[in-house]
Amino acid sequence: MEIEFLGTGGAITIPRPLCNCNVCQEARNKGVPFSRMGPSIFIHGPNLLIDTPEDIYHQINRSTIDDVKGVIYSHWHPDHVMGRRIIESLSADWINYPPRNKKIEVYIPEQVNIDFNTFLGSNEHLSFFESQGFANINQLKDGEYLFLNKTKIFPFRLAEDYVYAFLIENENKKALVATD
């Protein structure tokens, strides 16, 4: 199991557009790790993407990722979900007719699912992807875990009970991922 940090910038990425403060100027001049994009992590092995911030396209293009099997969401906030169109980009076959779309497994923990039905049109957007053959939507009840390529992923709520962290276990390795 290898963990790749795609973005660690939080809700406000660095450099901020049009900002000329010393921090943003240094980030523009030096690039990574001084420049930081929105929160997202990739777990190699199960090939699981955790959260899709708005700049996920750039994050994946600069990463070592060669295949995404699944996406899981920690919570509904815009800096974690507004790049969800990456599911369509990774799945859609725009070359062949009839298309041979690849389906991405999307895993949504219980409270995230409730919130996706309330905020930002997330549920409608993901349902559209499912209807187009780009995704399979998998709703997870609290206490459930999933297995992907011999890796156990256990989502659990944090003190802010709309946010989930993930305990990831593979062979003799364990990692705790909390993106907020």
N, C-alpha and C. Protein backbone atom coordinates (compact mmCIF):
# COMPACT_ATOMS: atom_id res chain seq x y z
N MET A 1 0.85 -1.18 0.00
CA MET A 1 0.00 0.00 0.00
C MET A 1 0.89 1.24 0.00
N GLU A 2 0.65 2.10 -0.95
CA GLU A 2 1.37 3.36 -1.04
C GLU A 2 0.34 4.48 -1.05
N ILE A 3 0.62 5.52 -0.28
CA ILE A 3 -0.29 6.67 -0.19
C ILE A 3 0.36 7.84 -0.91
N GLU A 4 -0.40 8.43 -1.83
CA GLU A 4 0.09 9.60 -2.56
C GLU A 4 -0.77 10.80 -2.20
N PHE A 5 -0.14 11.82 -1.65
CA PHE A 5 -0.84 13.05 -1.30
C PHE A 5 -0.94 13.90 -2.56
N LEU A 6 -2.15 14.07 -3.04
CA LEU A 6 -2.35 14.84 -4.27
C LEU A 6 -2.49 16.32 -3.98
N GLY A 7 -3.17 16.64 -2.89
CA GLY A 7 -3.38 18.03 -2.51
C GLY A 7 -3.57 18.14 -1.02
N THR A 8 -2.93 19.14 -0.42
CA THR A 8 -3.01 19.32 1.02
C THR A 8 -3.31 20.77 1.38
N GLY A 9 -3.83 21.53 0.42
CA GLY A 9 -4.00 22.96 0.61
C GLY A 9 -5.25 23.37 1.34
N GLY A 10 -6.18 22.47 1.55
CA GLY A 10 -7.42 22.85 2.21
C GLY A 10 -8.32 23.64 1.29
N ALA A 11 -9.24 24.35 1.89
CA ALA A 11 -10.24 25.09 1.11
C ALA A 11 -9.63 26.25 0.32
N ILE A 12 -8.55 26.80 0.81
CA ILE A 12 -7.89 27.90 0.11
C ILE A 12 -6.53 27.38 -0.36
N THR A 13 -6.40 27.22 -1.67
CA THR A 13 -5.15 26.71 -2.22
C THR A 13 -4.09 27.81 -2.24
N ILE A 14 -2.86 27.38 -2.39
CA ILE A 14 -1.73 28.31 -2.41
C ILE A 14 -0.96 28.06 -3.70
N PRO A 15 -0.72 29.04 -4.52
CA PRO A 15 -1.01 30.45 -4.35
C PRO A 15 -2.48 30.79 -4.68
N ARG A 16 -3.00 31.77 -3.98
CA ARG A 16 -4.35 32.24 -4.27
C ARG A 16 -4.30 33.11 -5.52
N PRO A 17 -5.31 33.00 -6.38
CA PRO A 17 -5.32 33.84 -7.58
C PRO A 17 -5.24 35.33 -7.22
N LEU A 18 -4.38 36.03 -7.91
CA LEU A 18 -4.19 37.47 -7.81
C LEU A 18 -3.60 37.94 -6.50
N CYS A 19 -3.21 37.04 -5.63
CA CYS A 19 -2.61 37.42 -4.35
C CYS A 19 -1.12 37.63 -4.54
N ASN A 20 -0.61 38.71 -4.00
CA ASN A 20 0.80 39.04 -4.12
C ASN A 20 1.54 38.99 -2.79
N CYS A 21 0.95 38.31 -1.79
CA CYS A 21 1.64 38.18 -0.51
C CYS A 21 2.91 37.34 -0.69
N ASN A 22 3.79 37.37 0.30
CA ASN A 22 5.06 36.64 0.20
C ASN A 22 4.86 35.14 0.04
N VAL A 23 3.88 34.58 0.74
CA VAL A 23 3.62 33.14 0.66
C VAL A 23 3.20 32.75 -0.75
N CYS A 24 2.27 33.50 -1.33
CA CYS A 24 1.78 33.18 -2.68
C CYS A 24 2.86 33.42 -3.73
N GLN A 25 3.65 34.46 -3.58
CA GLN A 25 4.74 34.71 -4.53
C GLN A 25 5.77 33.59 -4.47
N GLU A 26 6.11 33.13 -3.27
CA GLU A 26 7.06 32.03 -3.13
C GLU A 26 6.50 30.76 -3.77
N ALA A 27 5.21 30.50 -3.56
CA ALA A 27 4.57 29.31 -4.15
C ALA A 27 4.61 29.36 -5.67
N ARG A 28 4.38 30.53 -6.24
CA ARG A 28 4.44 30.66 -7.71
C ARG A 28 5.86 30.43 -8.22
N ASN A 29 6.83 30.95 -7.50
CA ASN A 29 8.23 30.83 -7.94
C ASN A 29 8.80 29.43 -7.75
N LYS A 30 8.46 28.76 -6.65
CA LYS A 30 9.09 27.48 -6.32
C LYS A 30 8.25 26.27 -6.65
N GLY A 31 6.94 26.45 -6.84
CA GLY A 31 6.08 25.31 -7.15
C GLY A 31 5.92 24.37 -5.96
N VAL A 32 5.66 23.08 -6.26
CA VAL A 32 5.45 22.07 -5.22
C VAL A 32 6.74 21.90 -4.43
N PRO A 33 6.73 21.80 -3.12
CA PRO A 33 5.60 21.70 -2.21
C PRO A 33 5.11 23.04 -1.67
N PHE A 34 5.65 24.15 -2.17
CA PHE A 34 5.21 25.45 -1.69
C PHE A 34 3.83 25.81 -2.22
N SER A 35 3.52 25.36 -3.43
CA SER A 35 2.16 25.53 -3.95
C SER A 35 1.36 24.29 -3.58
N ARG A 36 0.14 24.49 -3.15
CA ARG A 36 -0.67 23.37 -2.66
C ARG A 36 -2.09 23.47 -3.20
N MET A 37 -2.58 22.33 -3.68
CA MET A 37 -3.94 22.24 -4.22
C MET A 37 -4.89 21.69 -3.17
N GLY A 38 -6.17 21.58 -3.54
CA GLY A 38 -7.22 21.12 -2.64
C GLY A 38 -7.00 19.72 -2.11
N PRO A 39 -7.72 19.35 -1.04
CA PRO A 39 -7.48 18.10 -0.32
C PRO A 39 -7.88 16.85 -1.11
N SER A 40 -6.90 15.98 -1.36
CA SER A 40 -7.17 14.71 -2.02
C SER A 40 -5.99 13.78 -1.80
N ILE A 41 -6.31 12.50 -1.65
CA ILE A 41 -5.30 11.46 -1.42
C ILE A 41 -5.64 10.28 -2.31
N PHE A 42 -4.60 9.61 -2.79
CA PHE A 42 -4.78 8.40 -3.59
C PHE A 42 -4.08 7.25 -2.90
N ILE A 43 -4.78 6.11 -2.78
CA ILE A 43 -4.22 4.91 -2.19
C ILE A 43 -3.92 3.93 -3.32
N HIS A 44 -2.64 3.71 -3.58
CA HIS A 44 -2.23 2.75 -4.60
C HIS A 44 -2.47 1.34 -4.06
N GLY A 45 -2.79 0.44 -4.93
CA GLY A 45 -3.14 -0.94 -4.54
C GLY A 45 -4.63 -1.12 -4.78
N PRO A 46 -5.45 -0.54 -3.90
CA PRO A 46 -6.88 -0.55 -4.20
C PRO A 46 -7.23 0.49 -5.27
N ASN A 47 -6.28 1.38 -5.56
CA ASN A 47 -6.48 2.46 -6.55
C ASN A 47 -7.71 3.29 -6.22
N LEU A 48 -7.71 3.77 -4.99
CA LEU A 48 -8.84 4.51 -4.44
C LEU A 48 -8.49 5.97 -4.28
N LEU A 49 -9.33 6.82 -4.86
CA LEU A 49 -9.20 8.26 -4.76
C LEU A 49 -10.08 8.74 -3.62
N ILE A 50 -9.52 9.47 -2.68
CA ILE A 50 -10.29 10.03 -1.57
C ILE A 50 -10.47 11.51 -1.83
N ASP A 51 -11.71 11.88 -2.11
CA ASP A 51 -12.15 13.26 -2.37
C ASP A 51 -11.68 13.76 -3.74
N THR A 52 -12.49 14.65 -4.30
CA THR A 52 -12.22 15.20 -5.63
C THR A 52 -12.37 16.72 -5.60
N PRO A 53 -11.32 17.44 -5.17
CA PRO A 53 -11.39 18.90 -5.18
C PRO A 53 -11.43 19.43 -6.61
N GLU A 54 -11.67 20.72 -6.74
CA GLU A 54 -11.82 21.32 -8.06
C GLU A 54 -10.59 21.14 -8.95
N ASP A 55 -9.42 21.03 -8.35
CA ASP A 55 -8.19 20.91 -9.15
C ASP A 55 -7.71 19.46 -9.28
N ILE A 56 -8.60 18.50 -9.12
CA ILE A 56 -8.23 17.09 -9.20
C ILE A 56 -7.64 16.71 -10.56
N TYR A 57 -8.08 17.35 -11.63
CA TYR A 57 -7.52 17.07 -12.96
C TYR A 57 -6.01 17.32 -12.96
N HIS A 58 -5.61 18.48 -12.44
CA HIS A 58 -4.19 18.83 -12.39
C HIS A 58 -3.42 17.89 -11.46
N GLN A 59 -4.06 17.55 -10.33
CA GLN A 59 -3.41 16.66 -9.37
C GLN A 59 -3.12 15.29 -9.99
N ILE A 60 -4.09 14.74 -10.68
CA ILE A 60 -3.89 13.42 -11.30
C ILE A 60 -2.86 13.50 -12.41
N ASN A 61 -2.90 14.57 -13.20
CA ASN A 61 -1.94 14.70 -14.30
C ASN A 61 -0.49 14.81 -13.82
N ARG A 62 -0.27 15.33 -12.62
CA ARG A 62 1.10 15.44 -12.11
C ARG A 62 1.48 14.27 -11.19
N SER A 63 0.56 13.33 -11.00
CA SER A 63 0.77 12.22 -10.07
C SER A 63 1.40 11.01 -10.76
N THR A 64 1.56 9.94 -9.98
CA THR A 64 2.03 8.66 -10.52
C THR A 64 0.86 7.70 -10.74
N ILE A 65 -0.36 8.17 -10.67
CA ILE A 65 -1.55 7.33 -10.81
C ILE A 65 -1.67 6.84 -12.25
N ASP A 66 -1.95 5.53 -12.41
CA ASP A 66 -2.19 5.01 -13.76
C ASP A 66 -3.56 4.38 -13.92
N ASP A 67 -4.32 4.25 -12.81
CA ASP A 67 -5.67 3.70 -12.90
C ASP A 67 -6.43 4.05 -11.62
N VAL A 68 -7.67 4.46 -11.78
CA VAL A 68 -8.54 4.75 -10.64
C VAL A 68 -9.68 3.75 -10.68
N LYS A 69 -9.79 2.94 -9.65
CA LYS A 69 -10.87 1.95 -9.55
C LYS A 69 -12.07 2.49 -8.79
N GLY A 70 -11.80 3.37 -7.80
CA GLY A 70 -12.88 3.85 -6.97
C GLY A 70 -12.60 5.24 -6.42
N VAL A 71 -13.70 5.87 -6.00
CA VAL A 71 -13.66 7.19 -5.37
C VAL A 71 -14.50 7.08 -4.10
N ILE A 72 -14.01 7.64 -3.01
CA ILE A 72 -14.78 7.70 -1.77
C ILE A 72 -14.73 9.14 -1.27
N TYR A 73 -15.81 9.56 -0.64
CA TYR A 73 -15.90 10.94 -0.17
C TYR A 73 -15.92 11.01 1.35
N SER A 74 -15.17 11.97 1.89
CA SER A 74 -15.10 12.16 3.34
C SER A 74 -16.26 13.01 3.85
N HIS A 75 -16.71 13.96 3.05
CA HIS A 75 -17.86 14.81 3.42
C HIS A 75 -18.23 15.69 2.23
N TRP A 76 -19.27 16.48 2.38
CA TRP A 76 -19.88 17.18 1.26
C TRP A 76 -19.27 18.54 0.91
N HIS A 77 -18.36 19.07 1.69
CA HIS A 77 -17.88 20.44 1.47
C HIS A 77 -17.32 20.62 0.06
N PRO A 78 -17.51 21.82 -0.52
CA PRO A 78 -17.09 22.07 -1.90
C PRO A 78 -15.63 21.75 -2.20
N ASP A 79 -14.73 22.03 -1.25
CA ASP A 79 -13.31 21.76 -1.51
C ASP A 79 -13.00 20.27 -1.55
N HIS A 80 -13.98 19.41 -1.27
CA HIS A 80 -13.80 17.96 -1.32
C HIS A 80 -14.58 17.30 -2.45
N VAL A 81 -15.56 17.99 -3.03
CA VAL A 81 -16.44 17.33 -4.01
C VAL A 81 -16.58 18.03 -5.35
N MET A 82 -16.17 19.28 -5.47
CA MET A 82 -16.51 20.03 -6.68
C MET A 82 -15.72 19.63 -7.92
N GLY A 83 -14.82 18.69 -7.81
CA GLY A 83 -14.12 18.16 -8.98
C GLY A 83 -14.66 16.80 -9.39
N ARG A 84 -15.89 16.50 -8.98
CA ARG A 84 -16.43 15.15 -9.23
C ARG A 84 -16.60 14.83 -10.71
N ARG A 85 -16.51 15.81 -11.58
CA ARG A 85 -16.56 15.51 -13.02
C ARG A 85 -15.39 14.68 -13.48
N ILE A 86 -14.37 14.55 -12.63
CA ILE A 86 -13.24 13.67 -12.97
C ILE A 86 -13.74 12.25 -13.21
N ILE A 87 -14.82 11.87 -12.56
CA ILE A 87 -15.40 10.53 -12.75
C ILE A 87 -15.78 10.34 -14.20
N GLU A 88 -16.42 11.34 -14.78
CA GLU A 88 -16.79 11.29 -16.19
C GLU A 88 -15.54 11.25 -17.08
N SER A 89 -14.57 12.09 -16.78
CA SER A 89 -13.35 12.15 -17.60
C SER A 89 -12.58 10.85 -17.60
N LEU A 90 -12.53 10.19 -16.44
CA LEU A 90 -11.81 8.92 -16.34
C LEU A 90 -12.58 7.76 -16.94
N SER A 91 -13.91 7.91 -17.05
CA SER A 91 -14.77 6.79 -17.45
C SER A 91 -15.24 6.83 -18.89
N ALA A 92 -15.52 8.00 -19.40
CA ALA A 92 -16.18 8.12 -20.70
C ALA A 92 -15.25 7.71 -21.85
N ASP A 93 -15.80 6.94 -22.76
CA ASP A 93 -15.10 6.55 -23.97
C ASP A 93 -15.61 7.45 -25.09
N TRP A 94 -14.82 8.45 -25.46
CA TRP A 94 -15.22 9.39 -26.49
C TRP A 94 -14.69 8.98 -27.86
N ILE A 95 -14.02 7.83 -27.95
CA ILE A 95 -13.39 7.41 -29.19
C ILE A 95 -14.21 6.37 -29.93
N ASN A 96 -14.69 5.35 -29.24
CA ASN A 96 -15.36 4.23 -29.88
C ASN A 96 -16.88 4.44 -29.98
N TYR A 97 -17.45 3.83 -30.99
CA TYR A 97 -18.91 3.80 -31.07
C TYR A 97 -19.34 2.39 -31.41
N PRO A 98 -20.21 1.77 -30.60
CA PRO A 98 -20.75 2.37 -29.38
C PRO A 98 -19.66 2.49 -28.32
N PRO A 99 -19.82 3.45 -27.42
CA PRO A 99 -18.78 3.67 -26.42
C PRO A 99 -18.62 2.47 -25.49
N ARG A 100 -17.39 2.29 -25.05
CA ARG A 100 -17.08 1.26 -24.05
C ARG A 100 -16.59 1.97 -22.80
N ASN A 101 -17.54 2.56 -22.08
CA ASN A 101 -17.20 3.32 -20.88
C ASN A 101 -16.66 2.41 -19.79
N LYS A 102 -15.71 2.93 -19.04
CA LYS A 102 -15.20 2.25 -17.85
C LYS A 102 -16.01 2.78 -16.67
N LYS A 103 -16.50 1.91 -15.82
CA LYS A 103 -17.27 2.36 -14.66
C LYS A 103 -16.37 2.50 -13.44
N ILE A 104 -16.45 3.65 -12.82
CA ILE A 104 -15.73 3.91 -11.57
C ILE A 104 -16.69 3.60 -10.42
N GLU A 105 -16.20 2.88 -9.43
CA GLU A 105 -16.99 2.61 -8.23
C GLU A 105 -16.92 3.84 -7.33
N VAL A 106 -18.07 4.38 -6.96
CA VAL A 106 -18.14 5.54 -6.07
C VAL A 106 -18.76 5.08 -4.76
N TYR A 107 -18.03 5.30 -3.67
CA TYR A 107 -18.47 4.87 -2.35
C TYR A 107 -18.84 6.10 -1.52
N ILE A 108 -20.04 6.05 -0.96
CA ILE A 108 -20.56 7.20 -0.23
C ILE A 108 -20.99 6.74 1.17
N PRO A 109 -20.25 7.14 2.21
CA PRO A 109 -20.66 6.81 3.58
C PRO A 109 -22.04 7.41 3.91
N GLU A 110 -22.67 6.84 4.91
CA GLU A 110 -24.08 7.12 5.24
C GLU A 110 -24.41 8.60 5.36
N GLN A 111 -23.69 9.34 6.20
CA GLN A 111 -24.02 10.76 6.38
C GLN A 111 -23.66 11.56 5.14
N VAL A 112 -22.61 11.19 4.46
CA VAL A 112 -22.25 11.88 3.22
C VAL A 112 -23.38 11.73 2.21
N ASN A 113 -23.97 10.54 2.15
CA ASN A 113 -25.10 10.31 1.26
C ASN A 113 -26.28 11.22 1.60
N ILE A 114 -26.57 11.34 2.88
CA ILE A 114 -27.66 12.24 3.31
C ILE A 114 -27.34 13.67 2.88
N ASP A 115 -26.11 14.10 3.13
CA ASP A 115 -25.71 15.46 2.77
C ASP A 115 -25.67 15.68 1.25
N PHE A 116 -25.28 14.65 0.50
CA PHE A 116 -25.27 14.76 -0.95
C PHE A 116 -26.68 14.97 -1.51
N ASN A 117 -27.69 14.54 -0.78
CA ASN A 117 -29.08 14.78 -1.19
C ASN A 117 -29.54 16.18 -0.84
N THR A 118 -28.75 16.90 -0.06
CA THR A 118 -29.14 18.23 0.41
C THR A 118 -28.31 19.34 -0.22
N PHE A 119 -27.01 19.13 -0.37
CA PHE A 119 -26.09 20.21 -0.73
C PHE A 119 -25.48 20.04 -2.12
N LEU A 120 -25.36 21.13 -2.83
CA LEU A 120 -24.55 21.26 -4.04
C LEU A 120 -24.95 20.38 -5.22
N GLY A 121 -26.12 19.75 -5.17
CA GLY A 121 -26.55 18.90 -6.27
C GLY A 121 -25.68 17.67 -6.46
N SER A 122 -24.95 17.29 -5.43
CA SER A 122 -23.99 16.18 -5.55
C SER A 122 -24.68 14.88 -5.93
N ASN A 123 -25.78 14.56 -5.27
CA ASN A 123 -26.46 13.30 -5.56
C ASN A 123 -26.98 13.26 -7.00
N GLU A 124 -27.57 14.36 -7.46
CA GLU A 124 -28.08 14.39 -8.83
C GLU A 124 -26.94 14.24 -9.84
N HIS A 125 -25.82 14.87 -9.54
CA HIS A 125 -24.67 14.79 -10.44
C HIS A 125 -24.13 13.36 -10.52
N LEU A 126 -23.98 12.71 -9.38
CA LEU A 126 -23.48 11.34 -9.37
C LEU A 126 -24.50 10.38 -9.98
N SER A 127 -25.78 10.62 -9.75
CA SER A 127 -26.82 9.79 -10.37
C SER A 127 -26.79 9.91 -11.89
N PHE A 128 -26.50 11.10 -12.38
CA PHE A 128 -26.35 11.30 -13.82
C PHE A 128 -25.19 10.46 -14.36
N PHE A 129 -24.06 10.49 -13.65
CA PHE A 129 -22.92 9.67 -14.07
C PHE A 129 -23.28 8.19 -14.10
N GLU A 130 -24.05 7.76 -13.11
CA GLU A 130 -24.46 6.35 -13.08
C GLU A 130 -25.37 6.05 -14.27
N SER A 131 -26.30 6.95 -14.57
CA SER A 131 -27.23 6.73 -15.68
C SER A 131 -26.52 6.70 -17.04
N GLN A 132 -25.37 7.36 -17.13
CA GLN A 132 -24.60 7.41 -18.37
C GLN A 132 -23.58 6.27 -18.48
N GLY A 133 -23.53 5.42 -17.43
CA GLY A 133 -22.61 4.29 -17.45
C GLY A 133 -21.19 4.64 -17.03
N PHE A 134 -20.99 5.77 -16.36
CA PHE A 134 -19.67 6.19 -15.92
C PHE A 134 -19.33 5.73 -14.52
N ALA A 135 -20.35 5.40 -13.71
CA ALA A 135 -20.12 5.10 -12.30
C ALA A 135 -21.13 4.10 -11.77
N ASN A 136 -20.71 3.38 -10.74
CA ASN A 136 -21.60 2.59 -9.90
C ASN A 136 -21.60 3.26 -8.53
N ILE A 137 -22.75 3.65 -8.06
CA ILE A 137 -22.85 4.32 -6.77
C ILE A 137 -23.09 3.28 -5.68
N ASN A 138 -22.24 3.28 -4.67
CA ASN A 138 -22.32 2.34 -3.56
C ASN A 138 -22.50 3.10 -2.26
N GLN A 139 -23.66 2.97 -1.64
CA GLN A 139 -23.91 3.64 -0.38
C GLN A 139 -23.48 2.73 0.76
N LEU A 140 -22.70 3.28 1.68
CA LEU A 140 -22.17 2.53 2.81
C LEU A 140 -22.87 2.95 4.09
N LYS A 141 -23.39 2.00 4.83
CA LYS A 141 -23.97 2.27 6.14
C LYS A 141 -22.84 2.43 7.16
N ASP A 142 -23.09 3.20 8.20
CA ASP A 142 -22.10 3.31 9.26
C ASP A 142 -21.79 1.93 9.82
N GLY A 143 -20.54 1.64 10.03
CA GLY A 143 -20.11 0.34 10.54
C GLY A 143 -19.70 -0.62 9.43
N GLU A 144 -20.07 -0.31 8.18
CA GLU A 144 -19.67 -1.16 7.05
C GLU A 144 -18.28 -0.79 6.57
N TYR A 145 -17.61 -1.75 6.00
CA TYR A 145 -16.32 -1.50 5.38
C TYR A 145 -16.36 -2.12 3.99
N LEU A 146 -15.35 -1.80 3.21
CA LEU A 146 -15.28 -2.39 1.88
C LEU A 146 -13.89 -2.97 1.66
N PHE A 147 -13.81 -3.96 0.79
CA PHE A 147 -12.56 -4.57 0.39
C PHE A 147 -12.29 -4.23 -1.06
N LEU A 148 -11.11 -3.72 -1.34
CA LEU A 148 -10.68 -3.45 -2.70
C LEU A 148 -9.26 -4.00 -2.85
N ASN A 149 -9.09 -4.97 -3.72
CA ASN A 149 -7.78 -5.54 -4.01
C ASN A 149 -7.01 -5.88 -2.72
N LYS A 150 -7.63 -6.69 -1.88
CA LYS A 150 -7.05 -7.16 -0.62
C LYS A 150 -6.79 -6.05 0.40
N THR A 151 -7.42 -4.91 0.21
CA THR A 151 -7.29 -3.79 1.13
C THR A 151 -8.65 -3.53 1.77
N LYS A 152 -8.66 -3.44 3.10
CA LYS A 152 -9.89 -3.16 3.84
C LYS A 152 -9.95 -1.67 4.13
N ILE A 153 -11.05 -1.05 3.76
CA ILE A 153 -11.26 0.38 4.01
C ILE A 153 -12.47 0.51 4.92
N PHE A 154 -12.26 1.12 6.08
CA PHE A 154 -13.32 1.29 7.07
C PHE A 154 -13.57 2.79 7.29
N PRO A 155 -14.69 3.32 6.75
CA PRO A 155 -15.03 4.71 7.01
C PRO A 155 -15.68 4.85 8.39
N PHE A 156 -15.31 5.88 9.12
CA PHE A 156 -15.96 6.14 10.41
C PHE A 156 -16.05 7.64 10.64
N ARG A 157 -17.10 8.01 11.39
CA ARG A 157 -17.35 9.43 11.64
C ARG A 157 -16.36 10.01 12.63
N LEU A 158 -16.09 11.27 12.46
CA LEU A 158 -15.23 12.01 13.39
C LEU A 158 -16.10 12.79 14.38
N ALA A 159 -15.47 13.61 15.21
CA ALA A 159 -16.21 14.40 16.19
C ALA A 159 -17.24 15.30 15.49
N GLU A 160 -16.86 15.91 14.38
CA GLU A 160 -17.83 16.60 13.52
C GLU A 160 -18.49 15.48 12.74
N ASP A 161 -19.67 15.05 13.15
CA ASP A 161 -20.18 13.76 12.69
C ASP A 161 -20.65 13.70 11.25
N TYR A 162 -20.47 14.75 10.49
CA TYR A 162 -20.75 14.68 9.05
C TYR A 162 -19.47 14.36 8.26
N VAL A 163 -18.33 14.32 8.96
CA VAL A 163 -17.04 14.06 8.33
C VAL A 163 -16.57 12.65 8.67
N TYR A 164 -16.02 11.97 7.67
CA TYR A 164 -15.49 10.62 7.85
C TYR A 164 -13.98 10.60 7.67
N ALA A 165 -13.35 9.75 8.45
CA ALA A 165 -11.95 9.37 8.24
C ALA A 165 -11.97 7.92 7.77
N PHE A 166 -10.83 7.41 7.35
CA PHE A 166 -10.77 6.07 6.79
C PHE A 166 -9.59 5.31 7.39
N LEU A 167 -9.89 4.15 7.97
CA LEU A 167 -8.85 3.24 8.41
C LEU A 167 -8.61 2.28 7.26
N ILE A 168 -7.38 2.25 6.79
CA ILE A 168 -7.03 1.44 5.62
C ILE A 168 -6.03 0.37 6.07
N GLU A 169 -6.38 -0.89 5.80
CA GLU A 169 -5.53 -2.01 6.23
C GLU A 169 -5.22 -2.90 5.03
N ASN A 170 -3.93 -3.23 4.90
CA ASN A 170 -3.47 -4.11 3.84
C ASN A 170 -2.29 -4.90 4.37
N GLU A 171 -2.42 -6.24 4.38
CA GLU A 171 -1.38 -7.12 4.91
C GLU A 171 -1.04 -6.70 6.33
N ASN A 172 0.20 -6.28 6.60
CA ASN A 172 0.59 -5.88 7.94
C ASN A 172 0.64 -4.37 8.11
N LYS A 173 0.04 -3.64 7.18
CA LYS A 173 0.11 -2.19 7.20
C LYS A 173 -1.25 -1.60 7.53
N LYS A 174 -1.23 -0.51 8.29
CA LYS A 174 -2.43 0.24 8.59
C LYS A 174 -2.13 1.72 8.38
N ALA A 175 -3.13 2.43 7.87
CA ALA A 175 -3.01 3.88 7.73
C ALA A 175 -4.35 4.48 8.10
N LEU A 176 -4.28 5.61 8.75
CA LEU A 176 -5.47 6.38 9.08
C LEU A 176 -5.44 7.64 8.23
N VAL A 177 -6.48 7.82 7.43
CA VAL A 177 -6.55 8.98 6.54
C VAL A 177 -7.73 9.84 6.98
N ALA A 178 -7.43 11.07 7.36
CA ALA A 178 -8.45 12.05 7.70
C ALA A 178 -8.13 13.31 6.92
N THR A 179 -8.95 13.62 5.93
CA THR A 179 -8.60 14.70 5.00
C THR A 179 -8.96 16.09 5.50
N ASP A 180 -9.64 16.19 6.62
CA ASP A 180 -10.00 17.51 7.14
C ASP A 180 -9.43 17.70 8.52
